[in-house]
Amino acid sequence: MASYASHPHVKIRAGRPVEGCALRPQGVLRSSGPHEDGVELRWRWLRSRDVVANCACPSCDFAHDYDPVNRNRRGVALQCAICLKEQRAPETLTFCSAVCFVEAWPEHRRCHNHARSRAGTMESAASGDKGSFGDLARKDDEPHWLSDDASLWEIVAENVAEFVPSESEVGRRLRIECYAVRPTGREEQLRARGVAHTDAVLGAPMAPLPRSFIGESTEGVDPSLRVASYNILAEIYATAHAYPYCERWALEWQYRARVVIQELIDTNADVICLQEAQRDHFERDVEPAMKSAGYEGLFTQKSREAMGAAGKVDGCAMFWKTTKYRVAEQRNVSFNDLAYAEAQNANLSERDEHAYLTRLVKDNVAQLVVLEDYPAPGHRSRRLAMANTHLYSHKDFPDTKLWQSLCLLRALESFANRSRETLPLVLAGDLNSGPDSSVYELISTQAINPRHPDLAPRVGQFGAVNVLPDARQISHRLPLGSAYATVAGAEPEFTNYTMGFRGTLDYIWFDQTMLRCAAVATIPTVDALTRAGDALPNPQYPSDHTMLIADFLFLS
């Protein structure tokens, strides 16, 4: 057997634990020796017997505080110097008054003892015994957990790699222990172990505020249709670099998933269109939860490969109520494929073709679905054409977005008008274009002003390139209206609210000859959106976009 030059150990990474949100730590077996396949990890979860903040004081109930700024608003007067030196979590070291600190001291001083105990445990866990990997194997039946003080910790779960904190864990820290095994024949336990301690468990996420509607109620009206559209912010884009103002634990999908899914279910929409749905999260979290709530769904992946690991690629997803609709037809639109086809038919030089494709190949996709309802006896079924898309995001590519919109509208014309049957149409999505853009002008007016600045040739890496046809050819025949502009008289002030951008990018469009938009959900105010943070996303609102919801009535 090969010997390790240094001692193997398990490195554990875990996010901030939150009540009701699954915590899935990552464990990596580290050693300078050769890699061994087939090693598995075993887990144990413990919680601190005492809360780590003075939760008896209503002024410093930090276990339920999602906004760091609120600690200052509530008048933090004292900080524990020992905890401050050890760089411990803010909720464990701040107190609103001297009385608060004195009352908390009997329990708080346990944190200091715990910290010293933890330092010794971590040192011993990292050292281990020298020798070959075979020498490190244990053949006794009892798991070799790291030693711990039973007066400080109590076991809450064993042999599970995921833990969901309950209300009883709120305000307490978690201790995560792990050891490696070689599960060949009789399971051999290896002296490769690890331990991690979390910050205090936060209380259950604050739900986004209920959405009110403007317009007329469609409750009890049959047939009616409620459509929701939501960019749910894929984890691959939810980075601390992109959103430095958001708590890191609030960016993690393990936290945001619960809030996102509850938002979707609470809409009670007949059809839900999602953008930036990440494939692995769609399959593992969103689709099973929506299925339990009575929905079926389709996922359409962007044209690019996964980013670093299987499933780490986003796309569009659509859900519909199974009690109301079934899929009659489905088609995906790949803008990449359309760009390659156009370039091939244009007889461009090699240089121009490269410039053309560089401008247009951005991996975006769209979903086109025909839904069919379940008719009453003696009646024909009603069919509905639904479209969902997410256009290219870069602000310096308005021509690319206009080209994508034109391609989508042409596809919709043939999709919604076939077999001498014209279907009512709803188009939802994140168009990454404001109300003053050429994309908005084209969709809403069926044409484009030839003098629109988005029509100018763009100068790129390979010189000037024009990816658009003549302005007179940029048109369509779909009588589309914007749901929010129709009911509210104007588009929302914003559907995307970050520290760097505030504006409207998301829309729900509908066929005005076959549908009437009766009501739309209001967009939360700035005060509501920033209750738990400076911008979106934050612990209360899990995406940088707001959800759009519209109610429709059929005109025939």
Protein backbone atom coordinates (compact mmCIF):
# COMPACT_ATOMS: atom_id res chain seq x y z
CA MET A 1 0.00 0.00 0.00
CA ALA A 2 1.15 3.50 -0.77
CA SER A 3 1.99 5.67 2.21
CA TYR A 4 0.72 9.17 2.71
CA ALA A 5 3.40 11.79 3.10
CA SER A 6 1.01 13.76 5.27
CA HIS A 7 -2.05 12.83 7.26
CA PRO A 8 -5.35 12.40 5.40
CA HIS A 9 -8.33 14.36 6.61
CA VAL A 10 -11.78 15.38 5.42
CA LYS A 11 -12.26 19.06 4.63
CA ILE A 12 -15.87 20.15 5.19
CA ARG A 13 -17.54 23.19 3.69
CA ALA A 14 -21.03 24.18 4.84
CA GLY A 15 -23.14 27.29 4.38
CA ARG A 16 -25.23 29.17 6.90
CA PRO A 17 -27.95 26.93 8.38
CA VAL A 18 -31.51 28.23 8.20
CA GLU A 19 -34.64 26.75 9.75
CA GLY A 20 -36.49 24.55 7.27
CA CYS A 21 -33.77 24.77 4.59
CA ALA A 22 -31.77 21.67 3.70
CA LEU A 23 -28.08 21.97 4.54
CA ARG A 24 -25.86 19.82 2.30
CA PRO A 25 -22.19 20.16 3.30
CA GLN A 26 -19.41 19.26 0.93
CA GLY A 27 -16.75 16.87 2.18
CA VAL A 28 -13.45 16.36 0.37
CA LEU A 29 -10.86 13.75 1.34
CA ARG A 30 -7.49 15.51 1.38
CA SER A 31 -4.11 13.80 1.31
CA SER A 32 -0.78 14.20 -0.44
CA GLY A 33 -0.79 10.47 -1.23
CA PRO A 34 -2.35 8.72 -4.22
CA HIS A 35 -6.04 9.16 -4.87
CA GLU A 36 -8.16 6.17 -3.92
CA ASP A 37 -11.49 5.51 -5.63
CA GLY A 38 -14.54 4.16 -3.86
CA VAL A 39 -14.08 6.03 -0.59
CA GLU A 40 -17.38 7.15 0.94
CA LEU A 41 -18.18 9.61 3.71
CA ARG A 42 -20.28 9.06 6.82
CA TRP A 43 -21.86 12.01 8.61
CA ARG A 44 -23.02 12.97 12.07
CA TRP A 45 -24.86 16.14 13.09
CA LEU A 46 -24.86 17.75 16.52
CA ARG A 47 -26.29 20.98 17.87
CA SER A 48 -25.08 23.16 20.71
CA ARG A 49 -27.04 22.63 23.90
CA ASP A 50 -27.17 26.36 24.51
CA VAL A 51 -28.16 29.18 22.23
CA VAL A 52 -25.25 31.39 21.28
CA ALA A 53 -27.00 34.74 21.59
CA ASN A 54 -29.06 36.30 24.33
CA CYS A 55 -32.37 35.37 22.74
CA ALA A 56 -34.18 36.29 25.95
CA CYS A 57 -33.63 39.94 25.05
CA PRO A 58 -36.19 41.15 22.44
CA SER A 59 -33.78 43.87 21.33
CA CYS A 60 -31.09 41.44 20.23
CA ASP A 61 -32.98 38.51 18.81
CA PHE A 62 -30.24 38.05 16.24
CA ALA A 63 -31.25 34.48 15.49
CA HIS A 64 -34.16 35.92 13.49
CA ASP A 65 -32.42 39.00 12.08
CA TYR A 66 -31.76 38.86 8.34
CA ASP A 67 -30.51 42.42 7.92
CA PRO A 68 -27.05 43.28 9.32
CA VAL A 69 -28.00 46.95 9.27
CA ASN A 70 -30.80 46.29 11.75
CA ARG A 71 -28.23 45.53 14.43
CA ASN A 72 -27.22 49.17 14.33
CA ARG A 73 -30.79 50.41 14.10
CA ARG A 74 -31.66 48.50 17.25
CA GLY A 75 -28.83 50.08 19.18
CA VAL A 76 -25.99 47.63 19.69
CA ALA A 77 -24.14 49.00 22.71
CA LEU A 78 -21.60 46.31 23.66
CA GLN A 79 -19.46 43.73 21.92
CA CYS A 80 -17.63 40.84 23.57
CA ALA A 81 -13.92 41.61 23.11
CA ILE A 82 -12.91 37.93 23.26
CA CYS A 83 -15.39 36.94 20.54
CA LEU A 84 -14.43 39.97 18.47
CA LYS A 85 -10.76 38.96 18.59
CA GLU A 86 -11.71 35.43 17.51
CA GLN A 87 -13.74 36.91 14.61
CA ARG A 88 -16.88 35.11 15.66
CA ALA A 89 -20.28 35.67 14.02
CA PRO A 90 -21.88 39.07 14.84
CA GLU A 91 -24.99 37.54 16.41
CA THR A 92 -22.83 35.85 19.06
CA LEU A 93 -20.90 38.89 20.24
CA THR A 94 -23.28 41.88 20.21
CA PHE A 95 -25.53 43.05 23.04
CA CYS A 96 -27.95 45.95 23.27
CA SER A 97 -26.93 47.06 26.78
CA ALA A 98 -24.82 46.24 29.81
CA VAL A 99 -27.84 44.58 31.43
CA CYS A 100 -28.28 42.44 28.33
CA PHE A 101 -24.64 41.35 28.50
CA VAL A 102 -24.82 40.50 32.21
CA GLU A 103 -27.98 38.44 31.69
CA ALA A 104 -26.39 36.58 28.78
CA TRP A 105 -23.03 35.96 30.45
CA PRO A 106 -23.77 32.58 32.13
CA GLU A 107 -24.52 31.03 28.75
CA HIS A 108 -22.25 33.24 26.67
CA ARG A 109 -19.07 32.26 28.52
CA ARG A 110 -19.71 28.68 27.39
CA CYS A 111 -18.91 29.95 23.89
CA HIS A 112 -15.39 30.80 25.02
CA ASN A 113 -14.88 27.33 26.51
CA HIS A 114 -16.36 25.85 23.36
CA ALA A 115 -13.97 27.85 21.18
CA ARG A 116 -10.93 26.60 23.12
CA SER A 117 -12.25 23.04 22.97
CA ARG A 118 -12.87 23.40 19.25
CA ALA A 119 -9.32 24.62 18.61
CA GLY A 120 -7.91 21.53 20.29
CA THR A 121 -10.29 19.23 18.43
CA MET A 122 -9.45 20.76 15.08
CA GLU A 123 -5.73 20.38 15.77
CA SER A 124 -6.09 16.72 16.67
CA ALA A 125 -8.43 16.09 13.74
CA ALA A 126 -5.87 17.49 11.32
CA SER A 127 -2.95 15.55 12.76
CA GLY A 128 -4.04 11.88 12.98
CA ASP A 129 -1.55 8.99 12.99
CA LYS A 130 1.18 8.47 10.44
CA GLY A 131 1.42 5.35 8.34
CA SER A 132 0.06 3.74 5.21
CA PHE A 133 -3.55 4.02 4.17
CA GLY A 134 -3.98 0.37 5.07
CA ASP A 135 -2.64 1.04 8.57
CA LEU A 136 -5.25 3.75 8.97
CA ALA A 137 -8.17 1.38 8.42
CA ARG A 138 -10.30 0.43 11.42
CA LYS A 139 -12.15 -2.85 11.54
CA ASP A 140 -14.10 -2.34 14.74
CA ASP A 141 -17.85 -1.88 14.45
CA GLU A 142 -18.11 1.40 16.34
CA PRO A 143 -17.71 4.56 14.23
CA HIS A 144 -14.66 6.53 15.26
CA TRP A 145 -16.28 9.93 15.74
CA LEU A 146 -14.21 12.84 16.92
CA SER A 147 -14.32 13.28 20.66
CA ASP A 148 -16.73 15.94 21.86
CA ASP A 149 -18.03 17.32 25.11
CA ALA A 150 -21.54 15.98 25.75
CA SER A 151 -22.22 18.98 27.97
CA LEU A 152 -21.83 21.25 24.94
CA TRP A 153 -23.30 19.16 22.10
CA GLU A 154 -26.17 16.79 21.50
CA ILE A 155 -26.65 14.48 18.51
CA VAL A 156 -29.53 15.35 16.19
CA ALA A 157 -28.85 13.09 13.17
CA GLU A 158 -26.48 10.34 12.05
CA ASN A 159 -25.60 8.68 8.74
CA VAL A 160 -27.31 11.34 6.64
CA ALA A 161 -25.48 13.76 4.36
CA GLU A 162 -28.25 16.36 4.56
CA PHE A 163 -29.87 18.01 7.56
CA VAL A 164 -32.89 20.30 7.80
CA PRO A 165 -32.73 22.47 10.95
CA SER A 166 -36.00 22.76 12.84
CA GLU A 167 -37.29 25.49 15.11
CA SER A 168 -35.53 23.84 18.04
CA GLU A 169 -32.15 24.49 16.37
CA VAL A 170 -32.74 28.23 15.84
CA GLY A 171 -30.09 30.26 17.65
CA ARG A 172 -27.83 27.23 18.14
CA ARG A 173 -24.69 26.29 16.27
CA LEU A 174 -24.35 23.00 14.42
CA ARG A 175 -21.36 20.69 14.59
CA ILE A 176 -20.83 18.56 11.47
CA GLU A 177 -18.59 15.51 11.79
CA CYS A 178 -17.46 13.24 9.00
CA TYR A 179 -15.24 10.20 8.53
CA ALA A 180 -14.19 8.23 5.46
CA VAL A 181 -14.88 4.55 4.80
CA ARG A 182 -13.83 2.04 2.16
CA PRO A 183 -17.09 0.11 1.52
CA THR A 184 -15.53 -3.04 0.06
CA GLY A 185 -16.74 -6.24 1.66
CA ARG A 186 -16.81 -5.48 5.36
CA GLU A 187 -16.82 -1.72 5.68
CA GLU A 188 -13.43 -0.36 6.72
CA GLN A 189 -13.32 2.94 8.53
CA LEU A 190 -10.32 5.13 7.79
CA ARG A 191 -8.72 7.56 10.19
CA ALA A 192 -9.49 10.38 7.82
CA ARG A 193 -11.91 12.60 9.64
CA GLY A 194 -13.16 16.15 9.68
CA VAL A 195 -15.29 18.51 11.70
CA ALA A 196 -16.92 21.86 10.99
CA HIS A 197 -18.93 24.28 13.08
CA THR A 198 -21.58 26.56 11.65
CA ASP A 199 -22.82 29.94 12.73
CA ALA A 200 -26.08 30.08 14.66
CA VAL A 201 -29.09 28.64 12.85
CA LEU A 202 -31.27 31.43 11.51
CA GLY A 203 -35.03 31.41 11.86
CA ALA A 204 -37.27 30.43 8.95
CA PRO A 205 -37.00 32.68 5.88
CA MET A 206 -39.24 35.68 5.83
CA ALA A 207 -41.77 35.10 3.08
CA PRO A 208 -42.05 37.75 0.37
CA LEU A 209 -45.00 40.02 1.04
CA PRO A 210 -48.35 38.93 -0.47
CA ARG A 211 -48.98 40.43 -3.91
CA SER A 212 -52.14 42.43 -4.50
CA PHE A 213 -53.77 42.71 -7.94
CA ILE A 214 -54.94 45.70 -9.92
CA GLY A 215 -57.76 45.28 -12.41
CA GLU A 216 -60.82 43.06 -12.21
CA SER A 217 -61.01 39.76 -10.41
CA THR A 218 -61.27 36.60 -12.50
CA GLU A 219 -62.01 34.36 -9.52
CA GLY A 220 -64.78 31.95 -10.38
CA VAL A 221 -64.77 32.99 -14.04
CA ASP A 222 -64.45 30.08 -16.45
CA PRO A 223 -62.56 29.94 -18.67
CA SER A 224 -59.79 32.13 -17.31
CA LEU A 225 -56.02 31.90 -17.34
CA ARG A 226 -53.34 32.99 -14.87
CA VAL A 227 -49.76 33.18 -16.15
CA ALA A 228 -46.62 33.85 -14.07
CA SER A 229 -43.14 34.63 -15.36
CA TYR A 230 -40.05 34.62 -13.14
CA ASN A 231 -36.29 34.73 -13.62
CA ILE A 232 -35.23 32.73 -10.56
CA LEU A 233 -31.47 33.52 -10.74
CA ALA A 234 -29.43 30.41 -11.49
CA GLU A 235 -26.84 29.48 -8.88
CA ILE A 236 -24.05 29.69 -11.47
CA TYR A 237 -24.69 33.45 -11.69
CA ALA A 238 -25.46 34.07 -7.99
CA THR A 239 -21.91 34.93 -6.96
CA ALA A 240 -20.52 37.21 -4.29
CA HIS A 241 -18.77 39.15 -7.05
CA ALA A 242 -22.05 39.86 -8.83
CA TYR A 243 -24.01 40.57 -5.64
CA PRO A 244 -21.50 41.71 -2.99
CA TYR A 245 -24.24 43.37 -0.93
CA CYS A 246 -26.09 40.09 -0.32
CA GLU A 247 -25.21 37.76 2.55
CA ARG A 248 -23.36 34.79 1.06
CA TRP A 249 -25.60 32.22 2.71
CA ALA A 250 -28.62 33.97 1.16
CA LEU A 251 -27.09 33.49 -2.32
CA GLU A 252 -26.80 29.74 -1.91
CA TRP A 253 -29.42 27.73 -3.75
CA GLN A 254 -29.96 25.51 -0.70
CA TYR A 255 -31.43 28.57 0.97
CA ARG A 256 -33.13 30.21 -2.00
CA ALA A 257 -34.81 27.03 -3.28
CA ARG A 258 -37.38 26.94 -0.51
CA VAL A 259 -38.35 30.57 -0.99
CA VAL A 260 -38.50 30.30 -4.79
CA ILE A 261 -40.63 27.16 -4.76
CA GLN A 262 -43.04 28.61 -2.20
CA GLU A 263 -43.39 31.75 -4.31
CA LEU A 264 -44.25 29.65 -7.36
CA ILE A 265 -46.86 27.60 -5.54
CA ASP A 266 -48.41 30.65 -3.88
CA THR A 267 -49.16 32.25 -7.26
CA ASN A 268 -51.75 29.56 -8.00
CA ALA A 269 -50.94 30.17 -11.66
CA ASP A 270 -52.23 27.91 -14.41
CA VAL A 271 -48.98 28.29 -16.35
CA ILE A 272 -45.58 29.30 -14.94
CA CYS A 273 -42.63 30.34 -17.12
CA LEU A 274 -39.16 30.32 -15.55
CA GLN A 275 -35.89 31.72 -16.80
CA GLU A 276 -32.43 30.88 -15.42
CA ALA A 277 -33.67 27.54 -14.18
CA GLN A 278 -30.53 25.49 -13.57
CA ARG A 279 -30.80 21.94 -14.85
CA ASP A 280 -29.63 20.08 -11.74
CA HIS A 281 -31.84 22.21 -9.50
CA PHE A 282 -34.82 21.79 -11.81
CA GLU A 283 -34.47 18.02 -11.68
CA ARG A 284 -33.63 17.70 -7.98
CA ASP A 285 -35.67 20.46 -6.34
CA VAL A 286 -38.10 22.44 -8.48
CA GLU A 287 -39.75 19.75 -10.60
CA PRO A 288 -40.44 17.32 -7.71
CA ALA A 289 -41.89 20.12 -5.56
CA MET A 290 -44.07 21.43 -8.37
CA LYS A 291 -45.23 17.92 -9.21
CA SER A 292 -46.34 17.48 -5.60
CA ALA A 293 -48.27 20.74 -5.97
CA GLY A 294 -50.12 19.48 -9.05
CA TYR A 295 -47.93 20.71 -11.91
CA GLU A 296 -46.02 19.11 -14.74
CA GLY A 297 -43.07 20.78 -16.40
CA LEU A 298 -40.64 20.94 -19.29
CA PHE A 299 -37.03 22.12 -19.22
CA THR A 300 -35.11 23.48 -22.21
CA GLN A 301 -31.38 23.83 -21.69
CA LYS A 302 -29.29 26.59 -23.20
CA SER A 303 -27.17 25.47 -26.12
CA ARG A 304 -23.85 25.58 -24.27
CA GLU A 305 -22.25 22.84 -22.21
CA ALA A 306 -22.49 22.65 -18.43
CA MET A 307 -20.24 25.00 -16.48
CA GLY A 308 -17.80 22.73 -14.67
CA ALA A 309 -20.13 19.91 -13.60
CA ALA A 310 -23.09 17.94 -14.84
CA GLY A 311 -26.29 19.95 -14.67
CA LYS A 312 -24.55 23.29 -14.11
CA VAL A 313 -26.25 24.99 -17.04
CA ASP A 314 -29.40 27.08 -17.04
CA GLY A 315 -32.33 27.33 -19.38
CA CYS A 316 -36.06 27.93 -19.57
CA ALA A 317 -38.71 25.88 -17.77
CA MET A 318 -42.48 25.84 -18.07
CA PHE A 319 -45.04 24.35 -15.68
CA TRP A 320 -48.80 23.92 -16.05
CA LYS A 321 -51.58 22.64 -13.81
CA THR A 322 -52.28 19.02 -14.62
CA THR A 323 -55.92 19.39 -13.56
CA LYS A 324 -56.43 22.01 -16.25
CA TYR A 325 -54.03 21.33 -19.14
CA ARG A 326 -52.11 18.67 -20.98
CA VAL A 327 -49.39 19.14 -23.61
CA ALA A 328 -50.62 18.79 -27.17
CA GLU A 329 -47.44 19.95 -28.90
CA GLN A 330 -43.99 21.21 -27.97
CA ARG A 331 -41.08 22.76 -29.82
CA ASN A 332 -37.78 24.29 -28.75
CA VAL A 333 -36.10 27.22 -30.49
CA SER A 334 -32.29 27.35 -30.48
CA PHE A 335 -31.11 30.77 -31.60
CA ASN A 336 -27.67 29.26 -32.20
CA ASP A 337 -29.10 26.85 -34.77
CA LEU A 338 -30.96 29.68 -36.52
CA ALA A 339 -27.78 31.78 -36.64
CA TYR A 340 -25.75 28.95 -38.20
CA ALA A 341 -28.49 28.34 -40.78
CA GLU A 342 -28.70 32.01 -41.74
CA ALA A 343 -24.93 32.34 -42.00
CA GLN A 344 -24.78 29.34 -44.29
CA ASN A 345 -27.51 30.72 -46.56
CA ALA A 346 -25.99 34.21 -46.72
CA ASN A 347 -22.87 33.19 -48.69
CA LEU A 348 -20.60 35.27 -46.47
CA SER A 349 -16.84 35.36 -46.65
CA GLU A 350 -15.04 33.38 -43.97
CA ARG A 351 -14.15 36.58 -42.10
CA ASP A 352 -17.68 38.01 -42.31
CA GLU A 353 -19.26 34.70 -41.32
CA HIS A 354 -17.03 34.53 -38.25
CA ALA A 355 -17.99 38.10 -37.28
CA TYR A 356 -21.67 37.33 -37.94
CA LEU A 357 -21.69 34.23 -35.77
CA THR A 358 -19.63 35.88 -33.04
CA ARG A 359 -22.38 38.46 -32.80
CA LEU A 360 -25.31 36.02 -32.77
CA VAL A 361 -24.23 32.73 -31.18
CA LYS A 362 -25.09 33.37 -27.51
CA ASP A 363 -26.73 30.05 -26.52
CA ASN A 364 -30.20 31.48 -25.79
CA VAL A 365 -33.31 29.37 -26.30
CA ALA A 366 -37.10 29.58 -26.28
CA GLN A 367 -39.90 27.15 -25.48
CA LEU A 368 -43.07 26.88 -27.58
CA VAL A 369 -45.85 24.73 -26.13
CA VAL A 370 -49.46 24.10 -27.14
CA LEU A 371 -51.59 23.31 -24.09
CA GLU A 372 -55.01 21.68 -24.37
CA ASP A 373 -57.63 21.83 -21.64
CA TYR A 374 -60.02 19.11 -20.51
CA PRO A 375 -63.40 20.03 -22.02
CA ALA A 376 -66.77 19.52 -20.39
CA PRO A 377 -68.90 16.75 -21.90
CA GLY A 378 -70.24 17.81 -25.27
CA HIS A 379 -67.70 20.64 -25.70
CA ARG A 380 -64.53 20.91 -27.75
CA SER A 381 -61.20 21.28 -26.03
CA ARG A 382 -59.60 24.72 -25.93
CA ARG A 383 -56.00 25.07 -27.05
CA LEU A 384 -53.50 27.71 -25.97
CA ALA A 385 -50.06 28.56 -27.40
CA MET A 386 -47.48 29.45 -24.74
CA ALA A 387 -43.98 30.79 -25.35
CA ASN A 388 -41.18 31.33 -22.85
CA THR A 389 -37.76 32.83 -23.56
CA HIS A 390 -34.68 34.50 -22.11
CA LEU A 391 -32.88 36.80 -24.53
CA TYR A 392 -29.18 37.69 -24.43
CA SER A 393 -28.26 39.90 -21.51
CA HIS A 394 -25.34 42.10 -22.56
CA LYS A 395 -26.30 45.76 -22.89
CA ASP A 396 -23.91 46.30 -25.81
CA PHE A 397 -25.73 43.78 -28.01
CA PRO A 398 -29.14 45.36 -28.77
CA ASP A 399 -28.92 44.15 -32.37
CA THR A 400 -28.49 40.58 -31.16
CA LYS A 401 -31.58 40.87 -28.94
CA LEU A 402 -33.58 42.38 -31.80
CA TRP A 403 -32.50 39.56 -34.11
CA GLN A 404 -33.48 36.97 -31.49
CA SER A 405 -36.89 38.64 -31.03
CA LEU A 406 -37.53 38.67 -34.76
CA CYS A 407 -36.64 34.98 -35.05
CA LEU A 408 -38.92 34.13 -32.14
CA LEU A 409 -41.86 36.14 -33.50
CA ARG A 410 -41.55 34.45 -36.87
CA ALA A 411 -41.50 31.05 -35.18
CA LEU A 412 -44.57 32.02 -33.16
CA GLU A 413 -46.47 33.13 -36.25
CA SER A 414 -46.20 29.68 -37.77
CA PHE A 415 -46.63 27.92 -34.44
CA ALA A 416 -49.83 29.72 -33.37
CA ASN A 417 -51.41 29.78 -36.83
CA ARG A 418 -51.59 26.29 -38.25
CA SER A 419 -54.16 23.92 -39.70
CA ARG A 420 -56.51 26.87 -40.24
CA GLU A 421 -56.76 27.22 -36.47
CA THR A 422 -55.48 30.38 -34.81
CA LEU A 423 -54.55 29.79 -31.19
CA PRO A 424 -54.61 32.35 -28.40
CA LEU A 425 -50.98 33.17 -27.63
CA VAL A 426 -49.09 34.27 -24.52
CA LEU A 427 -45.38 35.14 -24.68
CA ALA A 428 -43.54 35.50 -21.38
CA GLY A 429 -39.93 35.94 -20.45
CA ASP A 430 -36.89 37.98 -19.57
CA LEU A 431 -36.18 39.98 -22.73
CA ASN A 432 -33.26 41.92 -21.20
CA SER A 433 -34.67 44.98 -22.97
CA GLY A 434 -36.34 48.09 -21.62
CA PRO A 435 -39.58 49.73 -22.82
CA ASP A 436 -37.53 52.15 -24.96
CA SER A 437 -35.70 49.36 -26.79
CA SER A 438 -36.10 48.16 -30.36
CA VAL A 439 -37.21 44.77 -29.01
CA TYR A 440 -40.14 46.38 -27.19
CA GLU A 441 -41.00 48.52 -30.21
CA LEU A 442 -41.02 45.53 -32.54
CA ILE A 443 -43.21 43.36 -30.33
CA SER A 444 -45.70 46.09 -29.45
CA THR A 445 -46.01 47.87 -32.84
CA GLN A 446 -45.22 44.97 -35.23
CA ALA A 447 -42.49 47.05 -36.90
CA ILE A 448 -39.37 49.10 -36.18
CA ASN A 449 -38.43 52.69 -36.91
CA PRO A 450 -35.67 52.61 -39.59
CA ARG A 451 -33.84 55.33 -37.63
CA HIS A 452 -33.77 53.36 -34.40
CA PRO A 453 -30.16 53.34 -33.08
CA ASP A 454 -30.28 49.58 -32.55
CA LEU A 455 -30.28 49.14 -36.34
CA ALA A 456 -26.83 50.66 -36.79
CA PRO A 457 -24.04 48.20 -37.73
CA ARG A 458 -21.95 47.21 -34.73
CA VAL A 459 -18.18 47.40 -34.67
CA GLY A 460 -16.77 44.27 -33.12
CA GLN A 461 -13.50 42.42 -32.95
CA PHE A 462 -13.67 41.68 -36.67
CA GLY A 463 -14.87 45.10 -37.84
CA ALA A 464 -18.35 46.40 -38.59
CA VAL A 465 -21.01 43.71 -38.88
CA ASN A 466 -24.72 44.01 -39.58
CA VAL A 467 -26.71 40.99 -38.44
CA LEU A 468 -30.12 42.53 -39.12
CA PRO A 469 -32.15 42.56 -42.34
CA ASP A 470 -33.46 45.76 -43.91
CA ALA A 471 -35.72 47.65 -41.49
CA ARG A 472 -38.75 47.06 -43.74
CA GLN A 473 -38.29 43.32 -43.25
CA ILE A 474 -38.20 43.57 -39.46
CA SER A 475 -41.89 43.08 -38.80
CA HIS A 476 -44.51 40.55 -37.72
CA ARG A 477 -48.30 40.14 -37.74
CA LEU A 478 -49.01 39.08 -34.16
CA PRO A 479 -51.39 41.51 -32.35
CA LEU A 480 -49.48 41.46 -29.07
CA GLY A 481 -50.05 43.70 -26.09
CA SER A 482 -48.16 43.93 -22.80
CA ALA A 483 -50.20 42.72 -19.84
CA TYR A 484 -48.84 45.30 -17.41
CA ALA A 485 -49.01 48.24 -19.81
CA THR A 486 -52.58 47.28 -20.73
CA VAL A 487 -53.92 47.11 -17.17
CA ALA A 488 -51.68 49.61 -15.35
CA GLY A 489 -51.29 52.08 -18.22
CA ALA A 490 -47.49 51.71 -18.21
CA GLU A 491 -44.79 49.15 -17.63
CA PRO A 492 -43.54 48.71 -14.05
CA GLU A 493 -40.80 51.04 -12.90
CA PHE A 494 -38.60 47.97 -12.53
CA THR A 495 -38.66 44.18 -12.67
CA ASN A 496 -34.92 43.90 -11.96
CA TYR A 497 -33.52 45.70 -8.90
CA THR A 498 -29.82 45.45 -8.06
CA MET A 499 -27.21 47.89 -6.78
CA GLY A 500 -25.96 48.38 -10.34
CA PHE A 501 -29.21 48.39 -12.33
CA ARG A 502 -32.85 49.21 -11.82
CA GLY A 503 -35.27 48.79 -14.71
CA THR A 504 -37.88 46.70 -16.51
CA LEU A 505 -36.63 43.65 -18.41
CA ASP A 506 -39.46 41.12 -17.98
CA TYR A 507 -42.82 41.01 -19.75
CA ILE A 508 -45.96 39.00 -20.36
CA TRP A 509 -47.35 39.58 -23.87
CA PHE A 510 -50.74 38.33 -25.10
CA ASP A 511 -52.83 38.13 -28.28
CA GLN A 512 -55.23 41.07 -27.94
CA THR A 513 -57.74 39.64 -30.42
CA MET A 514 -58.29 36.41 -28.49
CA LEU A 515 -57.46 37.28 -24.88
CA ARG A 516 -58.21 40.14 -22.53
CA CYS A 517 -55.87 40.94 -19.67
CA ALA A 518 -58.11 41.50 -16.67
CA ALA A 519 -55.58 41.99 -13.86
CA VAL A 520 -51.89 42.00 -12.98
CA ALA A 521 -50.05 41.56 -9.70
CA THR A 522 -48.46 44.71 -8.34
CA ILE A 523 -44.68 44.94 -8.18
CA PRO A 524 -43.41 45.25 -4.58
CA THR A 525 -42.33 48.74 -3.57
CA VAL A 526 -38.70 49.63 -2.96
CA ASP A 527 -39.37 49.75 0.79
CA ALA A 528 -40.82 46.23 0.67
CA LEU A 529 -37.98 44.84 -1.44
CA THR A 530 -35.28 46.32 0.77
CA ARG A 531 -36.64 45.28 4.17
CA ALA A 532 -33.99 42.56 4.35
CA GLY A 533 -31.21 44.03 2.23
CA ASP A 534 -30.05 46.92 0.11
CA ALA A 535 -31.22 45.42 -3.19
CA LEU A 536 -32.16 42.11 -4.84
CA PRO A 537 -31.44 39.35 -4.12
CA ASN A 538 -31.66 39.33 -0.35
CA PRO A 539 -32.83 36.85 2.31
CA GLN A 540 -36.48 37.74 1.73
CA TYR A 541 -36.45 37.95 -2.07
CA PRO A 542 -34.38 35.14 -3.62
CA SER A 543 -33.82 36.56 -7.12
CA ASP A 544 -32.65 39.83 -8.62
CA HIS A 545 -35.91 39.85 -10.60
CA THR A 546 -39.50 40.19 -9.41
CA MET A 547 -42.18 37.77 -10.52
CA LEU A 548 -44.84 38.91 -13.00
CA ILE A 549 -48.40 37.55 -12.71
CA ALA A 550 -51.28 38.27 -15.10
CA ASP A 551 -54.91 37.10 -15.28
CA PHE A 552 -56.58 36.67 -18.67
CA LEU A 553 -60.08 36.04 -19.99
CA PHE A 554 -60.74 34.28 -23.29
CA LEU A 555 -62.68 36.38 -25.81
CA SER A 556 -64.11 33.43 -27.71
